[in-house]
C-alpha cells in the first residue's frame, strides 16, 4: 500500500501489506512493515512488522512487535573521558583501605 497522503486504519480493520505513507494512524491490526513520516498506534492498534519513521506515538494499550528505525543518518554523540589541562597530570589515587567490621549484637 503506497500513498503520498495520510492513511487511517480504523478499529476492526485488518491489513496484511507493507505500508508507505506520509502519516499513518492505526486503530486496527497491521501485519507488514510501515515506512512513514509519523506513525501513531492507538490503544486498540496492533502492529506486527518493522517501522521506519521520523516520529512515533504509542498510546497506552497499543501493541508493537518489530524493530523501529528512524529516518536519516544521525550518529550518536561521541563520549570521551575528560581531558586534563595540558602539562598537568591527574592527582595520584591511594589504594583502597580495608577495614574490619564486627557485627553488632541485637539487644
Protein backbone atom coordinates (compact mmCIF):
# COMPACT_ATOMS: atom_id res chain seq x y z
CA UNK A 1 0.00 0.00 0.00
CA UNK A 2 1.68 3.23 -1.15
CA UNK A 3 0.30 6.76 -0.83
CA UNK A 4 1.75 10.25 -0.57
CA UNK A 5 -1.09 11.24 1.76
CA UNK A 6 -2.23 10.13 5.19
CA UNK A 7 -3.57 6.67 6.00
CA UNK A 8 -6.05 5.80 8.75
CA UNK A 9 -6.54 2.15 9.67
CA UNK A 10 -9.73 2.05 11.71
CA UNK A 11 -10.65 -0.14 14.64
CA UNK A 12 -11.67 -3.57 13.39
CA UNK A 13 -9.69 -3.21 10.14
CA UNK A 14 -7.10 -5.87 9.29
CA UNK A 15 -4.30 -5.02 6.85
CA UNK A 16 -1.73 -7.53 5.61
CA UNK A 17 0.61 -5.41 3.50
CA UNK A 18 3.67 -3.21 3.64
CA UNK A 19 2.64 0.43 4.02
CA UNK A 20 4.30 3.60 2.74
CA UNK A 21 2.54 6.88 3.57
CA UNK A 22 3.13 10.35 4.97
CA UNK A 23 1.30 9.84 8.29
CA UNK A 24 -0.27 6.59 9.50
CA UNK A 25 -2.80 6.25 12.31
CA UNK A 26 -3.53 2.68 13.39
CA UNK A 27 -6.53 1.58 15.46
CA UNK A 28 -6.87 -1.83 13.81
CA UNK A 29 -4.38 -4.60 13.02
CA UNK A 30 -1.43 -4.37 10.62
CA UNK A 31 0.85 -7.22 9.59
CA UNK A 32 3.63 -5.72 7.48
CA UNK A 33 6.35 -3.10 7.51
CA UNK A 34 5.45 0.59 7.77
CA UNK A 35 7.53 3.42 6.27
CA UNK A 36 6.15 6.85 7.17
CA UNK A 37 6.97 10.29 8.47
CA UNK A 38 4.78 9.76 11.54
CA UNK A 39 3.13 6.62 12.90
CA UNK A 40 0.53 6.70 15.64
CA UNK A 41 -0.61 3.41 17.16
CA UNK A 42 -3.75 3.98 19.21
CA UNK A 43 -4.86 1.93 22.23
CA UNK A 44 -6.68 -0.65 20.04
CA UNK A 45 -3.91 -0.70 17.40
CA UNK A 46 -1.78 -3.78 16.80
CA UNK A 47 1.30 -3.92 14.56
CA UNK A 48 3.44 -6.90 13.61
CA UNK A 49 6.24 -5.51 11.47
CA UNK A 50 9.14 -3.08 11.33
CA UNK A 51 8.69 0.69 11.39
CA UNK A 52 10.88 3.22 9.55
CA UNK A 53 9.77 6.62 10.80
CA UNK A 54 10.60 10.18 11.87
CA UNK A 55 8.09 10.26 14.72
CA UNK A 56 6.31 7.54 16.72
CA UNK A 57 3.41 7.81 19.13
CA UNK A 58 2.27 4.75 21.08
CA UNK A 59 -0.86 5.13 23.14
CA UNK A 60 -1.29 3.11 26.31
CA UNK A 61 -2.53 -0.34 25.32
CA UNK A 62 -1.03 -0.24 21.83
CA UNK A 63 0.90 -3.30 20.65
CA UNK A 64 4.05 -3.27 18.50
CA UNK A 65 6.17 -6.28 17.65
CA UNK A 66 9.05 -5.34 15.39
CA UNK A 67 12.04 -3.08 15.04
CA UNK A 68 11.89 0.69 14.84
CA UNK A 69 14.36 2.68 12.73
CA UNK A 70 14.47 6.45 12.48
CA UNK A 71 14.92 8.08 9.05
CA UNK A 72 18.26 9.78 8.44
CA UNK A 73 21.86 9.10 9.30
CA UNK A 74 22.16 10.70 12.71
CA UNK A 75 25.21 9.42 14.57
CA UNK A 76 25.21 9.19 18.37
CA UNK A 77 27.46 11.70 20.13
CA UNK A 78 30.97 10.57 20.99
CA UNK A 79 31.54 10.22 24.69
CA UNK A 80 35.15 10.75 25.71
CA UNK A 81 36.84 10.92 29.08
CA UNK A 82 37.51 14.50 30.18
CA UNK A 83 40.99 15.65 29.25
CA UNK A 84 43.28 17.20 31.85
CA UNK A 85 44.74 20.61 31.04
CA UNK A 86 47.96 20.28 29.05
CA UNK A 87 51.08 19.88 31.13
CA UNK A 88 49.27 18.62 34.25
CA UNK A 89 48.98 15.10 35.48
CA UNK A 90 45.96 13.68 37.26
CA UNK A 91 46.23 13.54 41.04
CA UNK A 92 47.52 10.19 42.29
CA UNK A 93 44.98 7.94 43.90
CA UNK A 94 45.66 5.99 47.05
CA UNK A 95 44.86 2.29 47.23
CA UNK A 96 41.61 1.37 48.98
CA UNK A 97 41.74 0.81 52.73
CA UNK A 98 40.42 -2.45 54.16
CA UNK A 99 38.53 -2.10 57.42
CA UNK A 100 37.35 -4.98 59.61
CA UNK A 101 33.81 -4.52 60.85
CA UNK A 102 32.25 -6.55 63.63
CA UNK A 103 28.50 -7.17 63.51
CA UNK A 104 26.52 -5.56 66.31
CA UNK A 105 24.60 -7.78 68.70
CA UNK A 106 20.86 -7.38 68.96
CA UNK A 107 19.58 -6.46 72.40
